[in-house]
Amino acid sequence: MIRIGIVGYGNLGRGVEAAVTKAEDMTLVGVFTRRDPASLITRTKVPVYHIEDTAKMTGEIDVMILCGGSANDLPTQSVEMAKNFNIIDSFDTHANIPAHFAAVDEASRKNGHISIISVGWDPGLFSLNRLYGQAILPQGDDYTFWGKGVSQGHSDAIRRIEGVLDARQYTIPVDEALQKVRSGENPTLTTRQKHTRECFVVAKEGADTGLIEKTIKEMPNYFADYDTTVHFISKEELDRDHSGIPHGGTVFRTGTTGFDGNKHVIEYKLTLESNPEFTSSVLTAYARAAYRMAKEGSVGCKTVFDIPPAYLHPENGEWLRKNLL
């Protein structure tokens, strides 16, 4: 049995708890939180520990799955946890992935562990489909559309702003741009032409809503390059109208082959009723891969590009060749 630990018990952590419970080759050792462990009761009643006690569990956990936010948690947590454990994280700030990779790689190699970062569906599964598309259709163009759906990372970034009580952020593809790509027009699109962002924010009493809106719209890597609309609503409205966390998106690769320029469109689409639960399932599958690679002696930081697909599946190679090939 692969022994799993979870760091963080928000939407993503609870999703991992469910995914591990349903994996026949895994067992959940415990959850680690910044909160008072006595105040947290997990769905599966597994032990809860304070995050500062993780080092005491070295040797008892095969893979630690980190479920914090990319804005403020993972840049430090992943490096620290990689000193004592094999880890999986879902770091999703695309522009900062190279620097995050380098920091985690150094900590992992120094301590003989393997880490797989930026796991999920984007970055993650969509990244793989972009790679496959470029490899198969080298003469072509990439297009990625996200939504309509709630972005966990962007919502978390808003919640970290001073004066914000809670928030949801929806990423919305521009339908005109989507249809142009699907029809094979191969348009040249700016970031702003492909998506809009819509934010629903609950401000704390007395907070400067003007400053909050300005901070959101000017936030680099998250909102600055998009047309962004900010709505201030009550907590009751947020709970009533925005309690779900749906998401999804589409990756396209358009291109030509042969001497006559025959056209092709590759389309990979996800429609997700629960973004965190789906992402958690991806994290859990990659935890299996990390465990197998660690057993083979692999160390250092990896991404989805470095992981053999067969290592994600609970069955062995013989079963895969017979049933899936």
Protein backbone atom coordinates (compact mmCIF):
# COMPACT_ATOMS: atom_id res chain seq x y z
CA MET A 1 0.00 0.00 0.00
CA ILE A 2 1.23 3.47 -0.91
CA ARG A 3 1.14 5.61 2.24
CA ILE A 4 -0.21 9.09 1.52
CA GLY A 5 -0.12 12.30 3.55
CA ILE A 6 -2.12 15.43 2.78
CA VAL A 7 -0.95 18.97 3.54
CA GLY A 8 -3.89 21.35 3.67
CA TYR A 9 -7.55 20.49 4.10
CA GLY A 10 -9.48 22.88 1.88
CA ASN A 11 -11.41 21.87 -1.23
CA LEU A 12 -8.36 20.25 -2.81
CA GLY A 13 -7.32 18.40 0.35
CA ARG A 14 -10.80 16.99 0.83
CA GLY A 15 -10.79 15.89 -2.80
CA VAL A 16 -7.51 14.04 -2.34
CA GLU A 17 -8.92 12.37 0.77
CA ALA A 18 -11.80 11.00 -1.30
CA ALA A 19 -9.56 9.95 -4.21
CA VAL A 20 -7.08 8.11 -1.96
CA THR A 21 -9.93 6.34 -0.18
CA LYS A 22 -11.15 4.98 -3.52
CA ALA A 23 -7.68 3.84 -4.66
CA GLU A 24 -7.19 0.18 -3.76
CA ASP A 25 -3.39 0.48 -3.68
CA MET A 26 -3.26 3.49 -1.32
CA THR A 27 -3.86 4.28 2.33
CA LEU A 28 -4.18 7.70 3.94
CA VAL A 29 -1.83 8.18 6.90
CA GLY A 30 -2.95 11.62 7.96
CA VAL A 31 -3.80 15.24 7.22
CA PHE A 32 -1.50 18.14 8.15
CA THR A 33 -2.96 21.58 8.79
CA ARG A 34 -2.02 25.04 10.05
CA ARG A 35 -5.21 25.03 12.08
CA ASP A 36 -5.63 23.51 15.52
CA PRO A 37 -5.75 19.75 14.73
CA ALA A 38 -8.38 19.25 17.41
CA SER A 39 -10.72 21.59 15.55
CA LEU A 40 -10.62 19.60 12.31
CA ILE A 41 -12.56 16.38 11.77
CA THR A 42 -11.84 14.67 8.47
CA ARG A 43 -14.48 12.84 6.47
CA THR A 44 -12.61 9.53 6.88
CA LYS A 45 -11.65 10.17 10.52
CA VAL A 46 -7.92 9.83 9.72
CA PRO A 47 -5.50 11.46 12.19
CA VAL A 48 -4.91 15.19 11.90
CA TYR A 49 -1.54 16.75 12.74
CA HIS A 50 -0.18 20.26 12.88
CA ILE A 51 1.87 21.16 9.84
CA GLU A 52 4.92 21.80 12.03
CA ASP A 53 4.90 18.10 12.97
CA THR A 54 5.46 16.79 9.44
CA ALA A 55 9.16 16.10 10.01
CA LYS A 56 8.22 13.67 12.79
CA MET A 57 6.46 11.51 10.18
CA THR A 58 9.50 10.99 7.98
CA GLY A 59 9.62 7.32 7.02
CA GLU A 60 5.91 6.81 7.63
CA ILE A 61 4.66 8.52 4.47
CA ASP A 62 5.63 7.48 0.93
CA VAL A 63 4.21 10.52 -0.87
CA MET A 64 3.01 13.84 0.55
CA ILE A 65 0.36 15.57 -1.56
CA LEU A 66 0.42 19.35 -1.07
CA CYS A 67 -2.95 21.06 -1.35
CA GLY A 68 -2.11 24.70 -0.63
CA GLY A 69 -2.44 27.71 -2.92
CA SER A 70 0.08 28.69 -5.55
CA ALA A 71 0.16 32.35 -4.60
CA ASN A 72 1.50 32.04 -1.07
CA ASP A 73 1.69 28.41 0.11
CA LEU A 74 3.41 26.19 -2.44
CA PRO A 75 6.45 28.38 -3.25
CA THR A 76 7.73 27.72 0.28
CA GLN A 77 5.85 24.56 1.32
CA SER A 78 6.99 22.48 -1.65
CA VAL A 79 10.65 23.29 -1.01
CA GLU A 80 10.37 22.55 2.71
CA MET A 81 8.39 19.32 2.29
CA ALA A 82 10.76 18.07 -0.42
CA LYS A 83 13.50 17.95 2.20
CA ASN A 84 11.71 15.13 4.06
CA PHE A 85 9.28 13.55 1.59
CA ASN A 86 8.50 12.65 -1.98
CA ILE A 87 5.91 15.27 -2.91
CA ILE A 88 3.21 16.18 -5.42
CA ASP A 89 1.98 19.75 -5.84
CA SER A 90 -0.42 21.62 -8.12
CA PHE A 91 1.56 24.86 -8.54
CA ASP A 92 -0.31 26.64 -11.33
CA THR A 93 1.25 30.07 -11.81
CA HIS A 94 2.49 29.30 -15.31
CA ALA A 95 4.97 32.19 -15.51
CA ASN A 96 6.75 31.08 -12.33
CA ILE A 97 6.96 27.34 -12.99
CA PRO A 98 10.64 27.39 -14.12
CA ALA A 99 11.75 29.12 -10.90
CA HIS A 100 9.55 26.87 -8.76
CA PHE A 101 10.95 23.80 -10.52
CA ALA A 102 14.53 24.89 -9.85
CA ALA A 103 13.92 25.50 -6.13
CA VAL A 104 12.10 22.19 -5.59
CA ASP A 105 14.64 20.30 -7.68
CA GLU A 106 17.51 21.52 -5.51
CA ALA A 107 15.76 20.53 -2.27
CA SER A 108 14.71 17.14 -3.66
CA ARG A 109 18.15 16.19 -4.97
CA LYS A 110 19.94 17.25 -1.80
CA ASN A 111 17.71 14.96 0.24
CA GLY A 112 17.26 12.05 -2.17
CA HIS A 113 13.57 12.56 -2.90
CA ILE A 114 11.42 12.82 -6.00
CA SER A 115 8.93 15.65 -6.50
CA ILE A 116 6.35 16.14 -9.23
CA ILE A 117 5.15 19.74 -9.51
CA SER A 118 2.40 21.57 -11.41
CA VAL A 119 0.15 18.51 -11.51
CA GLY A 120 -3.51 18.90 -12.41
CA TRP A 121 -5.36 19.56 -15.63
CA ASP A 122 -3.75 22.89 -16.52
CA PRO A 123 -0.90 22.81 -15.92
CA GLY A 124 -0.94 19.02 -16.22
CA LEU A 125 -3.18 17.12 -18.62
CA PHE A 126 -3.58 20.12 -20.93
CA SER A 127 0.20 20.54 -20.95
CA LEU A 128 0.57 16.97 -22.21
CA ASN A 129 -1.97 17.56 -24.95
CA ARG A 130 -0.14 20.68 -26.09
CA LEU A 131 3.06 18.63 -26.21
CA TYR A 132 1.40 15.81 -28.19
CA GLY A 133 -0.17 18.30 -30.58
CA GLN A 134 3.10 20.08 -31.36
CA ALA A 135 4.96 16.79 -31.78
CA ILE A 136 2.36 15.38 -34.20
CA LEU A 137 1.55 18.58 -36.09
CA PRO A 138 4.79 20.61 -36.05
CA GLN A 139 3.40 22.93 -38.72
CA GLY A 140 0.51 24.42 -36.78
CA ASP A 141 -0.85 26.53 -33.96
CA ASP A 142 -1.84 25.98 -30.30
CA TYR A 143 -4.99 27.31 -28.67
CA THR A 144 -6.11 26.80 -25.08
CA PHE A 145 -9.44 27.99 -23.71
CA TRP A 146 -10.49 27.70 -20.06
CA GLY A 147 -13.99 27.78 -18.64
CA LYS A 148 -16.57 28.83 -18.11
CA GLY A 149 -15.67 27.89 -14.59
CA VAL A 150 -14.32 28.77 -11.19
CA SER A 151 -10.56 29.02 -11.01
CA GLN A 152 -9.36 27.88 -7.58
CA GLY A 153 -6.00 29.60 -7.92
CA HIS A 154 -7.46 32.93 -9.00
CA SER A 155 -10.19 32.80 -6.36
CA ASP A 156 -7.55 32.09 -3.72
CA ALA A 157 -5.45 35.01 -4.96
CA ILE A 158 -8.41 37.35 -4.49
CA ARG A 159 -9.13 35.98 -1.01
CA ARG A 160 -5.56 36.85 0.00
CA ILE A 161 -6.19 40.54 -0.68
CA GLU A 162 -6.62 42.64 2.46
CA GLY A 163 -10.27 43.37 3.11
CA VAL A 164 -11.65 40.35 1.24
CA LEU A 165 -13.78 37.88 3.20
CA ASP A 166 -14.49 35.43 0.36
CA ALA A 167 -14.50 35.35 -3.43
CA ARG A 168 -15.15 33.33 -6.58
CA GLN A 169 -13.54 34.03 -9.94
CA TYR A 170 -14.95 32.74 -13.23
CA THR A 171 -12.81 32.35 -16.32
CA ILE A 172 -14.97 32.74 -19.44
CA PRO A 173 -13.85 31.93 -23.00
CA VAL A 174 -14.80 34.44 -25.68
CA ASP A 175 -17.19 32.43 -27.84
CA GLU A 176 -16.32 34.23 -31.08
CA ALA A 177 -12.64 33.31 -30.67
CA LEU A 178 -13.51 29.71 -29.76
CA GLN A 179 -15.62 29.22 -32.88
CA LYS A 180 -12.96 30.69 -35.16
CA VAL A 181 -10.43 28.15 -33.90
CA ARG A 182 -12.82 25.21 -34.10
CA SER A 183 -13.70 26.09 -37.70
CA GLY A 184 -10.04 26.03 -38.73
CA GLU A 185 -9.58 29.76 -39.32
CA ASN A 186 -6.30 29.77 -37.32
CA PRO A 187 -6.81 33.29 -35.92
CA THR A 188 -4.09 35.23 -34.16
CA LEU A 189 -5.49 35.98 -30.71
CA THR A 190 -4.21 38.05 -27.82
CA THR A 191 -4.71 36.95 -24.21
CA ARG A 192 -7.44 39.56 -23.85
CA GLN A 193 -9.26 38.34 -26.98
CA LYS A 194 -9.51 34.74 -25.74
CA HIS A 195 -10.93 35.11 -22.22
CA THR A 196 -12.64 37.44 -19.81
CA ARG A 197 -12.60 37.19 -16.02
CA GLU A 198 -15.56 37.78 -13.74
CA CYS A 199 -15.10 38.12 -9.97
CA PHE A 200 -17.69 37.91 -7.21
CA VAL A 201 -16.24 39.33 -4.00
CA VAL A 202 -17.49 39.53 -0.42
CA ALA A 203 -15.72 42.43 1.27
CA LYS A 204 -15.17 42.70 5.00
CA GLU A 205 -17.13 45.37 6.79
CA GLY A 206 -15.51 48.77 6.27
CA ALA A 207 -13.11 47.52 3.58
CA ASP A 208 -12.09 49.84 0.74
CA THR A 209 -13.89 48.19 -2.19
CA GLY A 210 -12.33 50.59 -4.68
CA LEU A 211 -8.85 49.54 -3.60
CA ILE A 212 -9.80 45.86 -3.67
CA GLU A 213 -11.11 46.17 -7.23
CA LYS A 214 -7.99 48.06 -8.34
CA THR A 215 -5.73 45.43 -6.72
CA ILE A 216 -7.57 42.63 -8.49
CA LYS A 217 -7.51 44.23 -11.94
CA GLU A 218 -3.81 45.11 -11.70
CA MET A 219 -2.62 41.76 -10.29
CA PRO A 220 0.18 40.43 -12.56
CA ASN A 221 -0.08 36.87 -13.92
CA TYR A 222 -3.70 36.68 -12.78
CA PHE A 223 -5.84 39.60 -14.01
CA ALA A 224 -3.74 42.39 -15.51
CA ASP A 225 -3.87 41.00 -19.06
CA TYR A 226 -7.65 40.37 -19.13
CA ASP A 227 -10.87 42.36 -19.27
CA THR A 228 -11.98 41.81 -15.67
CA THR A 229 -15.34 42.59 -14.07
CA VAL A 230 -15.62 42.77 -10.27
CA HIS A 231 -18.96 42.41 -8.45
CA PHE A 232 -19.27 43.02 -4.71
CA ILE A 233 -21.98 40.84 -3.20
CA SER A 234 -23.08 39.61 0.21
CA LYS A 235 -21.90 36.36 1.79
CA GLU A 236 -25.46 35.06 1.51
CA GLU A 237 -25.48 35.72 -2.24
CA LEU A 238 -22.11 34.03 -2.68
CA ASP A 239 -23.23 30.95 -0.77
CA ARG A 240 -26.54 30.81 -2.62
CA ASP A 241 -25.39 31.45 -6.19
CA HIS A 242 -21.73 30.43 -6.29
CA SER A 243 -21.31 27.41 -4.01
CA GLY A 244 -20.26 25.00 -6.77
CA ILE A 245 -16.79 24.81 -8.29
CA PRO A 246 -17.31 23.79 -11.93
CA HIS A 247 -14.64 24.27 -14.58
CA GLY A 248 -13.19 22.83 -17.74
CA GLY A 249 -11.66 23.88 -21.00
CA THR A 250 -10.39 22.92 -24.41
CA VAL A 251 -6.97 22.46 -25.98
CA PHE A 252 -6.67 22.74 -29.76
CA ARG A 253 -3.79 22.02 -32.10
CA THR A 254 -4.45 22.99 -35.70
CA GLY A 255 -1.96 22.19 -38.43
CA THR A 256 -1.20 20.74 -41.82
CA THR A 257 0.52 17.60 -43.09
CA GLY A 258 1.84 16.26 -46.37
CA PHE A 259 2.98 18.07 -49.51
CA ASP A 260 -0.56 19.24 -50.28
CA GLY A 261 -1.19 20.88 -46.91
CA ASN A 262 -4.07 18.75 -45.63
CA LYS A 263 -5.62 20.45 -42.59
CA HIS A 264 -6.20 18.85 -39.19
CA VAL A 265 -7.72 19.93 -35.86
CA ILE A 266 -6.95 18.13 -32.60
CA GLU A 267 -9.43 18.96 -29.83
CA TYR A 268 -9.21 17.78 -26.21
CA LYS A 269 -11.98 18.93 -23.91
CA LEU A 270 -12.80 18.66 -20.20
CA THR A 271 -16.16 19.45 -18.61
CA LEU A 272 -15.83 19.28 -14.84
CA GLU A 273 -18.62 19.48 -12.28
CA SER A 274 -16.05 19.79 -9.49
CA ASN A 275 -12.72 21.38 -10.35
CA PRO A 276 -11.01 20.49 -7.03
CA GLU A 277 -12.21 16.89 -7.02
CA PHE A 278 -11.01 16.31 -10.57
CA THR A 279 -7.67 18.01 -9.85
CA SER A 280 -7.35 15.89 -6.69
CA SER A 281 -7.82 12.73 -8.75
CA VAL A 282 -4.99 13.79 -11.05
CA LEU A 283 -2.74 14.52 -8.06
CA THR A 284 -3.50 11.10 -6.61
CA ALA A 285 -2.65 9.31 -9.85
CA TYR A 286 0.70 11.11 -10.01
CA ALA A 287 1.38 10.17 -6.38
CA ARG A 288 1.31 6.57 -7.57
CA ALA A 289 3.85 7.43 -10.25
CA ALA A 290 6.09 9.22 -7.74
CA TYR A 291 6.04 6.18 -5.47
CA ARG A 292 7.00 3.83 -8.31
CA MET A 293 9.77 6.11 -9.58
CA ALA A 294 11.14 6.59 -6.07
CA LYS A 295 11.33 2.81 -5.70
CA GLU A 296 13.45 2.78 -8.87
CA GLY A 297 15.80 5.38 -7.39
CA SER A 298 14.63 8.50 -9.21
CA VAL A 299 15.37 11.79 -7.47
CA GLY A 300 14.86 15.45 -8.24
CA CYS A 301 11.95 17.47 -9.51
CA LYS A 302 9.76 16.24 -12.37
CA THR A 303 6.73 17.48 -14.30
CA VAL A 304 4.02 15.61 -16.17
CA PHE A 305 6.33 15.60 -19.21
CA ASP A 306 8.74 13.27 -17.39
CA ILE A 307 6.29 10.64 -16.14
CA PRO A 308 5.64 7.40 -18.09
CA PRO A 309 1.85 7.11 -18.55
CA ALA A 310 1.87 3.49 -17.39
CA TYR A 311 3.09 4.61 -13.95
CA LEU A 312 -0.21 6.46 -13.35
CA HIS A 313 -2.41 3.38 -13.64
CA PRO A 314 -2.83 0.92 -10.76
CA GLU A 315 -2.58 -2.10 -13.11
CA ASN A 316 0.70 -3.51 -14.44
CA GLY A 317 2.08 -3.35 -17.95
CA GLU A 318 0.74 -6.74 -19.00
CA TRP A 319 -2.81 -5.73 -18.06
CA LEU A 320 -2.47 -2.38 -19.84
CA ARG A 321 -1.22 -3.97 -23.06
CA LYS A 322 -4.05 -6.49 -23.05
CA ASN A 323 -6.89 -4.11 -22.22
CA LEU A 324 -5.97 -0.59 -23.28
CA LEU A 325 -3.47 -0.73 -26.13
